[in-house]
Amino acid sequence: MRVIVIGNSGSGKSTLAGRLASENGLPHLDLDEVAWQKHHPTTRLSVEASAELIDAFTGCHQDWVIEGCYASLIEYVAKRASKLYFLNLPVQACVENCRNRPWEPHKYRSKDEQDRNLSMLINWVQDYFARDDDFSHASHRRIFDRFEGEKVEFISNRQAQQDVDFQG
């Protein structure tokens, strides 16, 4: 089972990917971990450098769950995936998820630091349908439409919680 989970920031990608990984005993890669420089967390790695890190992860694991909003990185790994989940939630649902998200220690040194970033994140989430970049709805839609394996689109977190087949 090689699964990709895509969607807007705050759509529930990490939650769904974590549940899939946990229920199926699969390693889980959050693309945030390979998209940014470790010593300069606000500086993006090149797609090529990120691809090398993805290759290292997939080379060590026959099956996996990879999630993120980076279309270029998702496209890079999509040919190796057997299933794709697209969390295509309304923007307001993503904003509410952002407001309620637990502390992400792999991204922020403290919950306070994460909360100070919240207004920027909400603005980012609200621009999802207006943008036409690597992180946009248009990019995610293209990936979903072109994906040749099994694919599922969810329009709510509740639907994703109820309809995901955790047995593969």
N, C-alpha and C. Protein backbone atom coordinates (compact mmCIF):
# COMPACT_ATOMS: atom_id res chain seq x y z
N MET A 1 0.85 -1.18 0.00
CA MET A 1 0.00 0.00 0.00
C MET A 1 0.89 1.24 0.00
N ARG A 2 0.80 2.01 -1.04
CA ARG A 2 1.55 3.27 -1.17
C ARG A 2 0.53 4.38 -1.38
N VAL A 3 0.37 5.22 -0.36
CA VAL A 3 -0.73 6.18 -0.33
C VAL A 3 -0.21 7.61 -0.31
N ILE A 4 -0.87 8.46 -1.08
CA ILE A 4 -0.62 9.89 -1.06
C ILE A 4 -1.88 10.59 -0.56
N VAL A 5 -1.70 11.60 0.29
CA VAL A 5 -2.80 12.42 0.77
C VAL A 5 -2.48 13.87 0.44
N ILE A 6 -3.38 14.52 -0.32
CA ILE A 6 -3.18 15.92 -0.71
C ILE A 6 -4.37 16.76 -0.27
N GLY A 7 -4.17 18.08 -0.25
CA GLY A 7 -5.24 19.01 0.07
C GLY A 7 -4.68 20.32 0.60
N ASN A 8 -5.57 21.23 0.86
CA ASN A 8 -5.23 22.56 1.39
C ASN A 8 -4.60 22.42 2.78
N SER A 9 -3.86 23.41 3.18
CA SER A 9 -3.40 23.49 4.57
C SER A 9 -4.64 23.48 5.45
N GLY A 10 -4.60 22.70 6.51
CA GLY A 10 -5.74 22.63 7.43
C GLY A 10 -6.85 21.69 6.99
N SER A 11 -6.66 20.97 5.89
CA SER A 11 -7.74 20.10 5.40
C SER A 11 -7.83 18.78 6.16
N GLY A 12 -6.80 18.45 6.93
CA GLY A 12 -6.81 17.19 7.67
C GLY A 12 -5.88 16.15 7.08
N LYS A 13 -4.95 16.58 6.23
CA LYS A 13 -4.00 15.64 5.60
C LYS A 13 -3.20 14.88 6.65
N SER A 14 -2.62 15.59 7.59
CA SER A 14 -1.78 14.95 8.60
C SER A 14 -2.58 13.99 9.46
N THR A 15 -3.79 14.36 9.79
CA THR A 15 -4.65 13.49 10.60
C THR A 15 -4.98 12.21 9.84
N LEU A 16 -5.43 12.35 8.60
CA LEU A 16 -5.77 11.18 7.80
C LEU A 16 -4.54 10.32 7.54
N ALA A 17 -3.44 10.93 7.14
CA ALA A 17 -2.21 10.17 6.86
C ALA A 17 -1.72 9.45 8.11
N GLY A 18 -1.77 10.13 9.25
CA GLY A 18 -1.36 9.50 10.51
C GLY A 18 -2.22 8.30 10.86
N ARG A 19 -3.52 8.44 10.65
CA ARG A 19 -4.43 7.32 10.93
C ARG A 19 -4.17 6.16 9.99
N LEU A 20 -3.99 6.44 8.70
CA LEU A 20 -3.71 5.38 7.72
C LEU A 20 -2.42 4.66 8.09
N ALA A 21 -1.40 5.43 8.42
CA ALA A 21 -0.11 4.85 8.78
C ALA A 21 -0.23 3.99 10.04
N SER A 22 -0.88 4.51 11.04
CA SER A 22 -1.03 3.81 12.31
C SER A 22 -1.84 2.52 12.15
N GLU A 23 -2.97 2.62 11.50
CA GLU A 23 -3.86 1.46 11.34
C GLU A 23 -3.25 0.36 10.48
N ASN A 24 -2.35 0.74 9.58
CA ASN A 24 -1.78 -0.24 8.65
C ASN A 24 -0.31 -0.53 8.91
N GLY A 25 0.26 0.04 9.99
CA GLY A 25 1.66 -0.19 10.32
C GLY A 25 2.61 0.31 9.24
N LEU A 26 2.29 1.47 8.67
CA LEU A 26 3.09 2.01 7.57
C LEU A 26 3.90 3.22 8.02
N PRO A 27 5.09 3.40 7.45
CA PRO A 27 5.83 4.64 7.71
C PRO A 27 5.12 5.81 7.06
N HIS A 28 5.25 6.98 7.68
CA HIS A 28 4.53 8.19 7.26
C HIS A 28 5.52 9.31 7.04
N LEU A 29 5.44 9.95 5.88
CA LEU A 29 6.28 11.10 5.58
C LEU A 29 5.42 12.32 5.34
N ASP A 30 5.62 13.34 6.16
CA ASP A 30 5.01 14.67 5.97
C ASP A 30 5.99 15.43 5.08
N LEU A 31 5.55 15.87 3.91
CA LEU A 31 6.47 16.53 2.98
C LEU A 31 7.06 17.82 3.53
N ASP A 32 6.47 18.39 4.57
CA ASP A 32 7.09 19.54 5.22
C ASP A 32 8.50 19.18 5.71
N GLU A 33 8.70 17.93 6.06
CA GLU A 33 9.99 17.49 6.59
C GLU A 33 11.09 17.44 5.54
N VAL A 34 10.71 17.37 4.26
CA VAL A 34 11.72 17.31 3.19
C VAL A 34 11.67 18.52 2.26
N ALA A 35 10.81 19.46 2.55
CA ALA A 35 10.66 20.63 1.68
C ALA A 35 11.46 21.84 2.15
N TRP A 36 11.88 21.83 3.40
CA TRP A 36 12.51 23.01 3.99
C TRP A 36 13.89 22.67 4.54
N GLN A 37 14.78 23.64 4.52
CA GLN A 37 16.11 23.45 5.09
C GLN A 37 16.00 23.32 6.60
N LYS A 38 16.74 22.37 7.17
CA LYS A 38 16.68 22.13 8.61
C LYS A 38 17.23 23.31 9.42
N HIS A 39 18.34 23.89 8.96
CA HIS A 39 18.97 24.98 9.71
C HIS A 39 18.39 26.35 9.40
N HIS A 40 17.62 26.44 8.32
CA HIS A 40 16.94 27.68 7.93
C HIS A 40 15.51 27.31 7.56
N PRO A 41 14.66 27.08 8.57
CA PRO A 41 13.33 26.51 8.31
C PRO A 41 12.41 27.39 7.46
N THR A 42 12.79 28.60 7.17
CA THR A 42 11.97 29.43 6.29
C THR A 42 12.50 29.42 4.85
N THR A 43 13.53 28.62 4.60
CA THR A 43 14.13 28.54 3.26
C THR A 43 13.78 27.19 2.64
N ARG A 44 13.16 27.23 1.49
CA ARG A 44 12.72 26.02 0.79
C ARG A 44 13.90 25.33 0.13
N LEU A 45 13.96 24.03 0.23
CA LEU A 45 14.93 23.24 -0.52
C LEU A 45 14.53 23.22 -1.99
N SER A 46 15.47 22.94 -2.85
CA SER A 46 15.12 22.77 -4.26
C SER A 46 14.27 21.51 -4.40
N VAL A 47 13.50 21.44 -5.47
CA VAL A 47 12.70 20.25 -5.73
C VAL A 47 13.62 19.04 -5.85
N GLU A 48 14.78 19.23 -6.47
CA GLU A 48 15.73 18.12 -6.65
C GLU A 48 16.24 17.61 -5.29
N ALA A 49 16.56 18.51 -4.39
CA ALA A 49 17.03 18.10 -3.06
C ALA A 49 15.92 17.39 -2.29
N SER A 50 14.70 17.91 -2.40
CA SER A 50 13.56 17.25 -1.75
C SER A 50 13.32 15.88 -2.35
N ALA A 51 13.46 15.77 -3.67
CA ALA A 51 13.26 14.48 -4.36
C ALA A 51 14.26 13.44 -3.86
N GLU A 52 15.49 13.86 -3.62
CA GLU A 52 16.49 12.92 -3.09
C GLU A 52 16.06 12.40 -1.72
N LEU A 53 15.51 13.27 -0.89
CA LEU A 53 15.05 12.85 0.44
C LEU A 53 13.83 11.93 0.33
N ILE A 54 12.96 12.21 -0.61
CA ILE A 54 11.81 11.34 -0.86
C ILE A 54 12.29 9.96 -1.32
N ASP A 55 13.27 9.96 -2.22
CA ASP A 55 13.83 8.69 -2.71
C ASP A 55 14.44 7.88 -1.56
N ALA A 56 15.11 8.58 -0.65
CA ALA A 56 15.70 7.88 0.50
C ALA A 56 14.60 7.23 1.34
N PHE A 57 13.50 7.95 1.56
CA PHE A 57 12.39 7.42 2.34
C PHE A 57 11.73 6.24 1.62
N THR A 58 11.38 6.41 0.35
CA THR A 58 10.69 5.34 -0.37
C THR A 58 11.63 4.16 -0.64
N GLY A 59 12.93 4.43 -0.73
CA GLY A 59 13.90 3.36 -0.93
C GLY A 59 14.03 2.45 0.28
N CYS A 60 13.72 2.98 1.44
CA CYS A 60 13.81 2.19 2.69
C CYS A 60 12.51 1.47 3.03
N HIS A 61 11.43 1.82 2.36
CA HIS A 61 10.11 1.28 2.72
C HIS A 61 9.37 0.84 1.46
N GLN A 62 8.92 -0.39 1.45
CA GLN A 62 8.15 -0.89 0.32
C GLN A 62 6.78 -0.22 0.26
N ASP A 63 6.15 -0.06 1.41
CA ASP A 63 4.84 0.58 1.51
C ASP A 63 4.97 1.81 2.39
N TRP A 64 4.09 2.80 2.18
CA TRP A 64 4.22 4.07 2.91
C TRP A 64 2.98 4.93 2.73
N VAL A 65 2.94 6.00 3.55
CA VAL A 65 1.95 7.07 3.41
C VAL A 65 2.73 8.37 3.33
N ILE A 66 2.47 9.16 2.30
CA ILE A 66 3.11 10.46 2.12
C ILE A 66 2.02 11.50 1.98
N GLU A 67 2.19 12.59 2.71
CA GLU A 67 1.17 13.65 2.65
C GLU A 67 1.79 15.02 2.56
N GLY A 68 1.07 15.91 1.88
CA GLY A 68 1.52 17.28 1.77
C GLY A 68 0.73 18.07 0.74
N CYS A 69 1.08 19.33 0.64
CA CYS A 69 0.39 20.22 -0.30
C CYS A 69 1.31 20.68 -1.44
N TYR A 70 2.49 20.12 -1.52
CA TYR A 70 3.49 20.51 -2.53
C TYR A 70 3.25 19.74 -3.82
N ALA A 71 2.58 20.34 -4.78
CA ALA A 71 2.22 19.64 -6.01
C ALA A 71 3.44 19.07 -6.72
N SER A 72 4.53 19.82 -6.79
CA SER A 72 5.72 19.33 -7.50
C SER A 72 6.27 18.07 -6.84
N LEU A 73 6.24 18.00 -5.52
CA LEU A 73 6.74 16.82 -4.82
C LEU A 73 5.75 15.65 -4.91
N ILE A 74 4.47 15.96 -4.86
CA ILE A 74 3.45 14.92 -5.02
C ILE A 74 3.54 14.33 -6.43
N GLU A 75 3.69 15.18 -7.43
CA GLU A 75 3.81 14.68 -8.81
C GLU A 75 5.04 13.79 -8.94
N TYR A 76 6.10 14.14 -8.24
CA TYR A 76 7.33 13.36 -8.30
C TYR A 76 7.11 11.93 -7.82
N VAL A 77 6.35 11.77 -6.76
CA VAL A 77 6.17 10.45 -6.14
C VAL A 77 4.90 9.74 -6.61
N ALA A 78 4.01 10.43 -7.30
CA ALA A 78 2.70 9.87 -7.65
C ALA A 78 2.78 8.60 -8.48
N LYS A 79 3.75 8.49 -9.35
CA LYS A 79 3.85 7.29 -10.20
C LYS A 79 4.13 6.03 -9.38
N ARG A 80 4.64 6.20 -8.17
CA ARG A 80 4.93 5.06 -7.30
C ARG A 80 3.78 4.74 -6.35
N ALA A 81 2.76 5.58 -6.33
CA ALA A 81 1.65 5.42 -5.39
C ALA A 81 0.57 4.52 -5.98
N SER A 82 -0.10 3.80 -5.09
CA SER A 82 -1.22 2.96 -5.51
C SER A 82 -2.57 3.61 -5.22
N LYS A 83 -2.58 4.60 -4.32
CA LYS A 83 -3.85 5.23 -3.93
C LYS A 83 -3.61 6.69 -3.59
N LEU A 84 -4.58 7.52 -3.93
CA LEU A 84 -4.50 8.95 -3.63
C LEU A 84 -5.79 9.41 -2.98
N TYR A 85 -5.65 10.12 -1.88
CA TYR A 85 -6.78 10.76 -1.21
C TYR A 85 -6.64 12.27 -1.40
N PHE A 86 -7.70 12.90 -1.86
CA PHE A 86 -7.74 14.35 -2.03
C PHE A 86 -8.75 14.90 -1.03
N LEU A 87 -8.24 15.61 -0.02
CA LEU A 87 -9.12 16.27 0.95
C LEU A 87 -9.49 17.64 0.38
N ASN A 88 -10.62 17.69 -0.28
CA ASN A 88 -11.08 18.88 -0.99
C ASN A 88 -12.19 19.57 -0.19
N LEU A 89 -11.82 20.04 0.97
CA LEU A 89 -12.77 20.65 1.90
C LEU A 89 -13.02 22.11 1.56
N PRO A 90 -14.18 22.64 1.97
CA PRO A 90 -14.41 24.08 1.85
C PRO A 90 -13.36 24.84 2.67
N VAL A 91 -13.02 26.02 2.20
CA VAL A 91 -12.00 26.83 2.86
C VAL A 91 -12.34 27.06 4.33
N GLN A 92 -13.60 27.34 4.63
CA GLN A 92 -13.96 27.64 6.02
C GLN A 92 -13.71 26.44 6.93
N ALA A 93 -13.90 25.24 6.44
CA ALA A 93 -13.61 24.04 7.25
C ALA A 93 -12.10 23.95 7.52
N CYS A 94 -11.29 24.29 6.52
CA CYS A 94 -9.83 24.27 6.71
C CYS A 94 -9.40 25.33 7.71
N VAL A 95 -10.02 26.51 7.64
CA VAL A 95 -9.71 27.58 8.59
C VAL A 95 -10.05 27.13 10.00
N GLU A 96 -11.19 26.51 10.17
CA GLU A 96 -11.60 26.03 11.50
C GLU A 96 -10.64 24.96 12.00
N ASN A 97 -10.21 24.07 11.13
CA ASN A 97 -9.23 23.05 11.52
C ASN A 97 -7.92 23.71 11.96
N CYS A 98 -7.50 24.76 11.26
CA CYS A 98 -6.27 25.47 11.65
C CYS A 98 -6.41 26.07 13.03
N ARG A 99 -7.55 26.64 13.32
CA ARG A 99 -7.78 27.24 14.63
C ARG A 99 -7.76 26.20 15.75
N ASN A 100 -8.13 24.97 15.42
CA ASN A 100 -8.23 23.91 16.42
C ASN A 100 -7.08 22.93 16.40
N ARG A 101 -6.07 23.15 15.57
CA ARG A 101 -5.00 22.15 15.43
C ARG A 101 -4.14 22.10 16.68
N PRO A 102 -3.74 20.89 17.04
CA PRO A 102 -2.83 20.75 18.18
C PRO A 102 -1.43 21.25 17.81
N TRP A 103 -0.62 21.42 18.80
CA TRP A 103 0.77 21.84 18.58
C TRP A 103 1.49 20.83 17.70
N GLU A 104 2.22 21.32 16.72
CA GLU A 104 3.00 20.48 15.82
C GLU A 104 4.49 20.68 16.14
N PRO A 105 5.02 19.88 17.07
CA PRO A 105 6.39 20.09 17.53
C PRO A 105 7.45 19.90 16.45
N HIS A 106 7.13 19.18 15.37
CA HIS A 106 8.09 19.03 14.29
C HIS A 106 8.18 20.28 13.42
N LYS A 107 7.26 21.23 13.64
CA LYS A 107 7.26 22.47 12.86
C LYS A 107 7.56 23.71 13.71
N TYR A 108 7.15 23.67 14.98
CA TYR A 108 7.27 24.84 15.86
C TYR A 108 7.89 24.45 17.20
N ARG A 109 8.67 25.37 17.75
CA ARG A 109 9.31 25.12 19.04
C ARG A 109 8.34 25.12 20.20
N SER A 110 7.19 25.81 20.03
CA SER A 110 6.20 25.86 21.10
C SER A 110 4.82 26.10 20.50
N LYS A 111 3.79 25.83 21.30
CA LYS A 111 2.41 26.10 20.87
C LYS A 111 2.21 27.60 20.67
N ASP A 112 2.85 28.41 21.51
CA ASP A 112 2.74 29.87 21.36
C ASP A 112 3.32 30.33 20.02
N GLU A 113 4.48 29.77 19.65
CA GLU A 113 5.08 30.12 18.36
C GLU A 113 4.14 29.73 17.21
N GLN A 114 3.54 28.55 17.32
CA GLN A 114 2.59 28.11 16.29
C GLN A 114 1.40 29.06 16.22
N ASP A 115 0.87 29.45 17.37
CA ASP A 115 -0.29 30.33 17.41
C ASP A 115 0.02 31.73 16.85
N ARG A 116 1.25 32.19 17.02
CA ARG A 116 1.62 33.50 16.45
C ARG A 116 1.60 33.47 14.93
N ASN A 117 1.71 32.30 14.35
CA ASN A 117 1.69 32.13 12.91
C ASN A 117 0.28 31.92 12.35
N LEU A 118 -0.71 31.83 13.23
CA LEU A 118 -2.06 31.46 12.83
C LEU A 118 -2.69 32.42 11.83
N SER A 119 -2.59 33.72 12.03
CA SER A 119 -3.24 34.64 11.09
C SER A 119 -2.64 34.54 9.69
N MET A 120 -1.32 34.35 9.60
CA MET A 120 -0.69 34.16 8.30
C MET A 120 -1.20 32.87 7.66
N LEU A 121 -1.29 31.80 8.46
CA LEU A 121 -1.77 30.52 7.95
C LEU A 121 -3.21 30.63 7.45
N ILE A 122 -4.05 31.30 8.19
CA ILE A 122 -5.45 31.46 7.78
C ILE A 122 -5.53 32.24 6.46
N ASN A 123 -4.76 33.29 6.31
CA ASN A 123 -4.74 34.03 5.04
C ASN A 123 -4.30 33.12 3.90
N TRP A 124 -3.28 32.29 4.15
CA TRP A 124 -2.77 31.34 3.16
C TRP A 124 -3.89 30.36 2.76
N VAL A 125 -4.57 29.81 3.74
CA VAL A 125 -5.65 28.84 3.50
C VAL A 125 -6.77 29.48 2.68
N GLN A 126 -7.10 30.72 2.99
CA GLN A 126 -8.19 31.40 2.30
C GLN A 126 -7.87 31.70 0.84
N ASP A 127 -6.61 31.72 0.47
CA ASP A 127 -6.21 31.98 -0.92
C ASP A 127 -6.10 30.72 -1.77
N TYR A 128 -6.42 29.57 -1.22
CA TYR A 128 -6.23 28.28 -1.88
C TYR A 128 -6.86 28.23 -3.29
N PHE A 129 -8.08 28.70 -3.43
CA PHE A 129 -8.76 28.64 -4.72
C PHE A 129 -8.35 29.77 -5.65
N ALA A 130 -7.77 30.84 -5.12
CA ALA A 130 -7.35 31.98 -5.94
C ALA A 130 -5.95 31.80 -6.51
N ARG A 131 -5.11 31.05 -5.80
CA ARG A 131 -3.74 30.85 -6.26
C ARG A 131 -3.70 29.88 -7.44
N ASP A 132 -2.61 29.96 -8.19
CA ASP A 132 -2.34 28.98 -9.24
C ASP A 132 -0.87 28.61 -9.16
N ASP A 133 -0.48 28.11 -7.98
CA ASP A 133 0.92 27.77 -7.73
C ASP A 133 1.01 26.32 -7.27
N ASP A 134 2.14 25.95 -6.77
CA ASP A 134 2.42 24.59 -6.32
C ASP A 134 1.50 24.13 -5.19
N PHE A 135 0.87 25.05 -4.51
CA PHE A 135 0.07 24.75 -3.32
C PHE A 135 -1.43 24.99 -3.54
N SER A 136 -1.84 25.20 -4.75
CA SER A 136 -3.20 25.65 -5.06
C SER A 136 -4.17 24.50 -5.28
N HIS A 137 -5.44 24.84 -5.20
CA HIS A 137 -6.49 23.88 -5.53
C HIS A 137 -6.35 23.43 -6.99
N ALA A 138 -6.03 24.35 -7.89
CA ALA A 138 -5.89 24.00 -9.30
C ALA A 138 -4.80 22.93 -9.49
N SER A 139 -3.68 23.07 -8.80
CA SER A 139 -2.60 22.08 -8.89
C SER A 139 -3.04 20.74 -8.32
N HIS A 140 -3.71 20.76 -7.19
CA HIS A 140 -4.17 19.52 -6.56
C HIS A 140 -5.22 18.83 -7.42
N ARG A 141 -6.12 19.62 -8.00
CA ARG A 141 -7.15 19.06 -8.88
C ARG A 141 -6.51 18.37 -10.09
N ARG A 142 -5.49 19.01 -10.68
CA ARG A 142 -4.80 18.40 -11.83
C ARG A 142 -4.16 17.06 -11.43
N ILE A 143 -3.52 17.03 -10.28
CA ILE A 143 -2.90 15.78 -9.82
C ILE A 143 -3.96 14.70 -9.66
N PHE A 144 -5.05 15.06 -8.99
CA PHE A 144 -6.12 14.09 -8.75
C PHE A 144 -6.69 13.57 -10.07
N ASP A 145 -7.00 14.48 -10.98
CA ASP A 145 -7.61 14.08 -12.24
C ASP A 145 -6.70 13.21 -13.09
N ARG A 146 -5.40 13.43 -13.02
CA ARG A 146 -4.44 12.66 -13.83
C ARG A 146 -3.98 11.36 -13.17
N PHE A 147 -4.22 11.21 -11.89
CA PHE A 147 -3.73 10.03 -11.17
C PHE A 147 -4.39 8.78 -11.74
N GLU A 148 -3.58 7.77 -12.05
CA GLU A 148 -4.09 6.57 -12.70
C GLU A 148 -4.45 5.44 -11.75
N GLY A 149 -4.04 5.53 -10.49
CA GLY A 149 -4.38 4.51 -9.51
C GLY A 149 -5.73 4.77 -8.88
N GLU A 150 -6.00 4.05 -7.81
CA GLU A 150 -7.24 4.25 -7.07
C GLU A 150 -7.21 5.63 -6.43
N LYS A 151 -8.32 6.35 -6.51
CA LYS A 151 -8.35 7.70 -5.93
C LYS A 151 -9.71 7.98 -5.32
N VAL A 152 -9.66 8.76 -4.23
CA VAL A 152 -10.86 9.10 -3.49
C VAL A 152 -10.79 10.58 -3.14
N GLU A 153 -11.90 11.28 -3.35
CA GLU A 153 -12.00 12.70 -3.00
C GLU A 153 -12.99 12.86 -1.86
N PHE A 154 -12.57 13.56 -0.82
CA PHE A 154 -13.44 13.84 0.32
C PHE A 154 -13.73 15.33 0.38
N ILE A 155 -14.97 15.66 0.74
CA ILE A 155 -15.35 17.07 0.86
C ILE A 155 -15.60 17.47 2.31
N SER A 156 -15.35 16.53 3.24
CA SER A 156 -15.45 16.85 4.67
C SER A 156 -14.55 15.90 5.45
N ASN A 157 -14.11 16.35 6.61
CA ASN A 157 -13.33 15.47 7.48
C ASN A 157 -14.18 14.31 7.98
N ARG A 158 -15.44 14.57 8.22
CA ARG A 158 -16.34 13.51 8.69
C ARG A 158 -16.44 12.39 7.65
N GLN A 159 -16.56 12.77 6.39
CA GLN A 159 -16.61 11.79 5.31
C GLN A 159 -15.32 10.97 5.29
N ALA A 160 -14.18 11.63 5.45
CA ALA A 160 -12.89 10.94 5.45
C ALA A 160 -12.80 9.97 6.63
N GLN A 161 -13.29 10.38 7.79
CA GLN A 161 -13.24 9.52 8.96
C GLN A 161 -14.11 8.29 8.80
N GLN A 162 -15.24 8.45 8.13
CA GLN A 162 -16.20 7.34 8.00
C GLN A 162 -15.88 6.42 6.83
N ASP A 163 -15.34 6.96 5.75
CA ASP A 163 -15.25 6.21 4.50
C ASP A 163 -13.90 5.62 4.18
N VAL A 164 -12.87 5.94 4.96
CA VAL A 164 -11.55 5.42 4.64
C VAL A 164 -11.48 3.94 5.00
N ASP A 165 -11.03 3.15 4.03
CA ASP A 165 -10.82 1.72 4.24
C ASP A 165 -9.44 1.54 4.81
N PHE A 166 -9.32 1.30 6.11
CA PHE A 166 -8.03 1.20 6.77
C PHE A 166 -7.34 -0.13 6.51
N GLN A 167 -7.96 -0.98 5.75
CA GLN A 167 -7.30 -2.25 5.44
C GLN A 167 -6.61 -2.18 4.08
N GLY A 168 -6.53 -1.03 3.47
CA GLY A 168 -5.82 -0.91 2.21
C GLY A 168 -6.76 -0.74 1.07
